[in-house]
């Protein structure tokens, strides 16, 4: 059988990078299109691409390929501080990839969205994701471009950095023996490990599903108080915990469902990474990094 040809825009990033590793594990032919190369290019092709440049995007998109868009501004606070750039990169970049996919006749287009599209929260980030979803769905209808919309919940673990909320909290717990959350102890999330998310994503990319939206979340809901208590046990330290109890946060409190968007089918892995084990891995990697000298 011929290898599946997959082009991953944003394949150097957090979730995009995890997906690339999973696709390589499944013996796909993978091309990363991003601004900076990955640390390991041994099993993939890398092409430097600025998604705001339509001609650069056209040059990398190939007929018959599966194209996944994980590029753009992914941090809510960065998007809030840079609304113009959020439009140019998240919406304009998505349009450029869609247009190139339409012109070249790709097999399937996958757009990485967010659970925030359900919400009234999320500021410019949510608006950019919601708008981009509608462009994807309209291209599918107007040009018969097969597509997937994948809405990701609260990701954690893996090769995360300070743009990831869980990463910031665990790092603060280790370095400062404290935890801070802009919200209430009863705020809750269904955390999903990035490895679980990348496996589900690969299943959907390489499978028959198309012209549909999926919500990828964890299987268990934790309040922030429960999460912090779990983290205290794992690091074996009494932590100074602070909640702002803010009602005006850009993050949702209990649920992201504030209005009804394009219908999505919920999907999660029956066999998944337990939150405690995932946190242990993250704590260990950050501890090693902190003490590497």
Protein backbone atom coordinates (compact mmCIF):
# COMPACT_ATOMS: atom_id res chain seq x y z
CA UNK A 1 0.00 0.00 0.00
CA UNK A 2 1.12 3.55 -0.71
CA UNK A 3 1.92 5.71 2.27
CA UNK A 4 -0.59 8.39 3.25
CA UNK A 5 0.83 11.80 2.39
CA UNK A 6 0.05 14.26 5.20
CA UNK A 7 1.03 17.94 5.31
CA UNK A 8 0.89 19.49 8.79
CA UNK A 9 0.88 23.27 8.97
CA UNK A 10 2.13 24.21 12.42
CA UNK A 11 3.77 20.81 12.80
CA UNK A 12 6.53 22.25 14.98
CA UNK A 13 4.06 23.43 17.63
CA UNK A 14 2.70 21.72 20.72
CA UNK A 15 -0.23 19.69 19.40
CA UNK A 16 0.97 19.73 15.79
CA UNK A 17 4.32 18.27 16.87
CA UNK A 18 2.62 15.48 18.83
CA UNK A 19 0.48 14.68 15.79
CA UNK A 20 3.54 14.53 13.52
CA UNK A 21 5.18 11.97 15.81
CA UNK A 22 2.01 9.87 15.82
CA UNK A 23 1.72 10.00 12.01
CA UNK A 24 5.38 9.00 11.60
CA UNK A 25 4.74 6.10 14.00
CA UNK A 26 1.95 5.03 11.64
CA UNK A 27 4.34 5.09 8.70
CA UNK A 28 2.83 8.15 6.98
CA UNK A 29 4.83 10.40 4.70
CA UNK A 30 4.79 13.68 6.64
CA UNK A 31 5.69 17.21 5.60
CA UNK A 32 5.89 19.93 8.25
CA UNK A 33 5.05 23.43 7.02
CA UNK A 34 6.00 25.97 9.69
CA UNK A 35 8.13 29.02 10.40
CA UNK A 36 10.79 27.09 12.30
CA UNK A 37 12.04 23.51 11.85
CA UNK A 38 11.42 20.81 14.48
CA UNK A 39 14.26 19.62 16.69
CA UNK A 40 14.27 16.27 14.88
CA UNK A 41 13.83 16.30 11.08
CA UNK A 42 15.06 12.74 10.53
CA UNK A 43 11.72 11.20 9.54
CA UNK A 44 9.91 14.20 8.06
CA UNK A 45 10.31 16.81 5.36
CA UNK A 46 10.35 20.41 6.54
CA UNK A 47 9.33 23.43 4.46
CA UNK A 48 9.50 26.95 5.85
CA UNK A 49 6.08 28.52 5.27
CA UNK A 50 4.39 31.71 6.45
CA UNK A 51 0.67 30.91 6.26
CA UNK A 52 -0.18 34.59 5.72
CA UNK A 53 1.53 34.29 2.30
CA UNK A 54 -0.82 32.49 -0.11
CA UNK A 55 1.92 31.74 -2.65
CA UNK A 56 4.10 30.05 -0.02
CA UNK A 57 1.12 27.96 1.05
CA UNK A 58 0.33 27.01 -2.57
CA UNK A 59 3.90 25.81 -3.08
CA UNK A 60 3.70 23.22 -0.31
CA UNK A 61 0.14 21.89 -0.79
CA UNK A 62 0.02 18.78 -3.00
CA UNK A 63 -2.82 17.12 -4.90
CA UNK A 64 -4.24 14.10 -3.10
CA UNK A 65 -2.60 14.91 0.24
CA UNK A 66 -4.30 15.13 3.62
CA UNK A 67 -3.74 18.66 4.95
CA UNK A 68 -3.96 19.54 8.65
CA UNK A 69 -3.90 23.10 9.91
CA UNK A 70 -2.44 23.42 13.42
CA UNK A 71 -0.75 26.76 12.73
CA UNK A 72 -1.62 30.14 14.19
CA UNK A 73 -1.87 31.97 17.50
CA UNK A 74 -2.92 29.32 20.03
CA UNK A 75 -2.54 31.24 23.29
CA UNK A 76 -5.72 32.98 24.44
CA UNK A 77 -3.87 35.80 26.19
CA UNK A 78 -1.61 36.43 23.20
CA UNK A 79 -4.62 36.57 20.90
CA UNK A 80 -6.34 39.00 23.27
CA UNK A 81 -3.29 41.28 23.25
CA UNK A 82 -2.83 41.04 19.46
CA UNK A 83 -6.29 41.21 17.84
CA UNK A 84 -5.04 42.36 14.42
CA UNK A 85 -2.42 39.61 14.24
CA UNK A 86 -5.08 37.14 15.37
CA UNK A 87 -7.16 38.06 12.33
CA UNK A 88 -4.21 37.91 9.93
CA UNK A 89 -2.79 34.62 11.16
CA UNK A 90 -5.73 32.59 12.48
CA UNK A 91 -8.39 33.68 9.99
CA UNK A 92 -6.30 34.86 7.02
CA UNK A 93 -3.86 31.96 7.30
CA UNK A 94 -6.70 29.46 7.47
CA UNK A 95 -8.26 31.03 4.36
CA UNK A 96 -4.96 30.74 2.47
CA UNK A 97 -4.62 27.04 3.30
CA UNK A 98 -8.27 26.40 2.39
CA UNK A 99 -7.86 28.16 -0.95
CA UNK A 100 -4.69 26.23 -1.78
CA UNK A 101 -6.40 22.95 -0.83
CA UNK A 102 -9.34 23.80 -3.10
CA UNK A 103 -7.05 24.68 -6.01
CA UNK A 104 -4.83 21.61 -5.66
CA UNK A 105 -7.58 19.07 -4.99
CA UNK A 106 -6.49 17.64 -1.64
CA UNK A 107 -7.98 14.47 -0.18
CA UNK A 108 -9.10 16.00 3.13
CA UNK A 109 -8.63 19.24 5.07
CA UNK A 110 -8.47 19.19 8.87
CA UNK A 111 -8.82 22.34 10.94
CA UNK A 112 -7.66 22.42 14.56
CA UNK A 113 -10.24 24.44 16.47
CA UNK A 114 -11.10 24.87 20.13
CA UNK A 115 -13.84 24.09 22.64
CA UNK A 116 -14.06 27.87 23.10
CA UNK A 117 -16.21 28.11 19.96
CA UNK A 118 -19.08 26.94 22.17
CA UNK A 119 -18.51 29.76 24.60
CA UNK A 120 -19.14 33.46 25.05
CA UNK A 121 -15.64 33.59 26.60
CA UNK A 122 -12.26 33.43 24.87
CA UNK A 123 -12.17 36.96 23.41
CA UNK A 124 -10.49 37.31 19.99
CA UNK A 125 -9.15 33.76 20.11
CA UNK A 126 -12.68 32.32 20.22
CA UNK A 127 -13.84 34.69 17.48
CA UNK A 128 -10.95 33.66 15.20
CA UNK A 129 -11.68 29.95 15.70
CA UNK A 130 -15.42 30.34 15.23
CA UNK A 131 -14.96 32.40 12.06
CA UNK A 132 -12.41 29.97 10.65
CA UNK A 133 -14.74 27.02 11.28
CA UNK A 134 -17.43 28.70 9.24
CA UNK A 135 -14.98 29.29 6.38
CA UNK A 136 -14.04 25.60 6.48
CA UNK A 137 -17.66 24.45 6.43
CA UNK A 138 -18.56 26.88 3.62
CA UNK A 139 -15.59 25.76 1.49
CA UNK A 140 -16.80 22.22 2.04
CA UNK A 141 -20.29 23.09 0.81
CA UNK A 142 -19.33 25.41 -2.04
CA UNK A 143 -16.28 23.59 -3.41
CA UNK A 144 -16.90 19.99 -2.21
CA UNK A 145 -13.70 20.10 -0.16
CA UNK A 146 -13.80 17.21 2.36
CA UNK A 147 -13.06 18.53 5.83
CA UNK A 148 -12.81 17.78 9.52
CA UNK A 149 -13.17 20.31 12.33
CA UNK A 150 -11.52 19.14 15.56
CA UNK A 151 -12.33 21.12 18.71
CA UNK A 152 -9.80 20.51 21.45
CA UNK A 153 -10.53 20.87 25.15
CA UNK A 154 -7.95 21.49 27.90
CA UNK A 155 -4.73 19.90 26.65
CA UNK A 156 -1.77 19.10 28.89
CA UNK A 157 1.39 16.99 29.07
CA UNK A 158 3.98 16.17 26.46
CA UNK A 159 6.41 18.79 25.21
CA UNK A 160 4.37 21.75 26.47
CA UNK A 161 5.68 25.23 27.24
CA UNK A 162 4.57 28.33 29.12
CA UNK A 163 1.74 28.96 26.65
CA UNK A 164 -0.01 25.91 28.13
CA UNK A 165 -2.03 26.57 31.29
CA UNK A 166 -1.27 23.25 33.00
CA UNK A 167 2.44 23.69 32.23
CA UNK A 168 2.44 27.13 33.87
CA UNK A 169 0.67 25.84 36.98
CA UNK A 170 2.96 22.83 37.46
CA UNK A 171 6.06 24.97 36.86
CA UNK A 172 4.86 27.49 39.46
CA UNK A 173 4.16 24.68 41.92
CA UNK A 174 7.69 23.29 41.51
CA UNK A 175 9.58 26.58 41.43
CA UNK A 176 7.58 28.76 43.82
CA UNK A 177 5.63 26.23 45.91
CA UNK A 178 2.46 28.12 44.97
CA UNK A 179 -0.53 27.87 42.63
CA UNK A 180 -2.61 30.65 41.11
CA UNK A 181 -5.87 30.43 39.21
CA UNK A 182 -7.89 33.30 37.77
CA UNK A 183 -11.28 31.92 38.74
CA UNK A 184 -13.03 29.89 41.43
CA UNK A 185 -12.13 26.55 43.10
CA UNK A 186 -15.34 25.07 41.64
CA UNK A 187 -14.35 25.87 38.03
CA UNK A 188 -13.92 22.56 36.22
CA UNK A 189 -12.30 21.06 33.14
CA UNK A 190 -12.13 17.74 31.27
CA UNK A 191 -8.36 17.57 30.74
CA UNK A 192 -7.08 15.52 27.80
CA UNK A 193 -3.47 14.39 27.50
CA UNK A 194 -1.79 15.53 24.30
CA UNK A 195 -0.81 11.95 23.41
CA UNK A 196 -4.45 10.86 23.59
CA UNK A 197 -5.49 13.87 21.51
CA UNK A 198 -2.86 13.13 18.85
CA UNK A 199 -3.92 9.46 18.59
CA UNK A 200 -7.58 10.39 18.16
CA UNK A 201 -6.61 13.04 15.62
CA UNK A 202 -4.57 10.55 13.59
CA UNK A 203 -7.47 8.08 13.66
CA UNK A 204 -9.81 10.73 12.25
CA UNK A 205 -7.32 12.07 9.71
CA UNK A 206 -6.55 8.67 8.26
CA UNK A 207 -10.06 7.26 8.62
CA UNK A 208 -13.20 7.70 6.52
CA UNK A 209 -14.72 10.53 8.58
CA UNK A 210 -15.27 13.78 6.72
CA UNK A 211 -17.53 16.85 6.65
CA UNK A 212 -18.02 16.66 10.41
CA UNK A 213 -16.92 18.34 13.63
CA UNK A 214 -15.62 16.49 16.69
CA UNK A 215 -15.02 17.61 20.27
CA UNK A 216 -11.92 16.02 21.83
CA UNK A 217 -11.94 16.07 25.63
CA UNK A 218 -10.90 13.96 28.58
CA UNK A 219 -13.21 11.38 30.08
CA UNK A 220 -13.23 12.79 33.62
CA UNK A 221 -14.15 16.24 34.95
CA UNK A 222 -11.99 17.81 37.67
CA UNK A 223 -12.62 21.01 39.60
CA UNK A 224 -9.60 23.27 39.95
CA UNK A 225 -9.62 22.56 43.69
CA UNK A 226 -9.44 18.82 43.00
CA UNK A 227 -6.66 19.38 40.47
CA UNK A 228 -4.62 21.45 42.94
CA UNK A 229 -5.12 18.85 45.70
CA UNK A 230 -3.95 16.12 43.32
CA UNK A 231 -0.92 18.18 42.36
CA UNK A 232 -0.04 18.78 46.03
CA UNK A 233 0.01 15.02 46.61
CA UNK A 234 2.13 14.37 43.54
CA UNK A 235 4.81 16.97 44.34
CA UNK A 236 4.54 16.08 48.06
CA UNK A 237 4.53 19.74 49.04
CA UNK A 238 2.07 22.04 50.78
CA UNK A 239 1.35 24.71 48.17
CA UNK A 240 0.21 28.28 48.65
CA UNK A 241 -3.00 28.29 46.62
CA UNK A 242 -4.72 31.46 45.41
CA UNK A 243 -8.04 31.77 43.57
CA UNK A 244 -9.24 35.16 42.37
CA UNK A 245 -12.90 34.03 42.18
CA UNK A 246 -13.11 36.38 39.22
CA UNK A 247 -16.42 36.53 37.35
CA UNK A 248 -14.92 38.48 34.43
CA UNK A 249 -12.25 35.99 33.36
CA UNK A 250 -11.92 35.19 29.66
CA UNK A 251 -12.00 31.51 30.64
CA UNK A 252 -15.26 29.62 31.13
CA UNK A 253 -16.25 28.47 34.65
CA UNK A 254 -18.07 25.12 34.56
CA UNK A 255 -19.00 24.64 30.94
CA UNK A 256 -18.10 26.04 27.55
CA UNK A 257 -21.68 25.70 26.31
CA UNK A 258 -23.01 29.25 26.06
CA UNK A 259 -24.57 29.00 22.60
CA UNK A 260 -25.09 26.32 19.97
CA UNK A 261 -22.54 26.16 17.10
CA UNK A 262 -22.12 23.56 14.34
CA UNK A 263 -23.06 20.23 15.90
CA UNK A 264 -20.09 18.15 17.03
CA UNK A 265 -19.80 14.50 17.97
CA UNK A 266 -17.97 14.02 21.24
CA UNK A 267 -15.07 11.57 21.10
CA UNK A 268 -12.53 10.34 23.64
CA UNK A 269 -10.32 7.29 24.16
CA UNK A 270 -11.72 4.45 26.32
CA UNK A 271 -8.12 3.62 27.23
CA UNK A 272 -6.56 6.97 28.05
CA UNK A 273 -3.77 8.61 30.01
CA UNK A 274 -4.88 9.00 33.63
CA UNK A 275 -4.58 12.60 34.85
CA UNK A 276 -2.39 11.56 37.77
CA UNK A 277 0.05 9.68 35.52
CA UNK A 278 0.06 12.50 33.01
CA UNK A 279 0.81 15.02 35.76
CA UNK A 280 3.59 12.79 37.09
CA UNK A 281 5.23 12.82 33.65
CA UNK A 282 4.92 16.59 33.39
CA UNK A 283 6.23 17.16 36.93
CA UNK A 284 9.18 14.86 36.23
CA UNK A 285 10.12 16.56 32.94
CA UNK A 286 9.93 20.04 34.49
CA UNK A 287 11.88 18.88 37.55
CA UNK A 288 14.63 17.48 35.33
CA UNK A 289 14.72 20.69 33.31
CA UNK A 290 14.88 22.80 36.47
CA UNK A 291 17.77 20.74 37.89
CA UNK A 292 19.67 19.92 34.69
CA UNK A 293 22.66 22.06 35.71
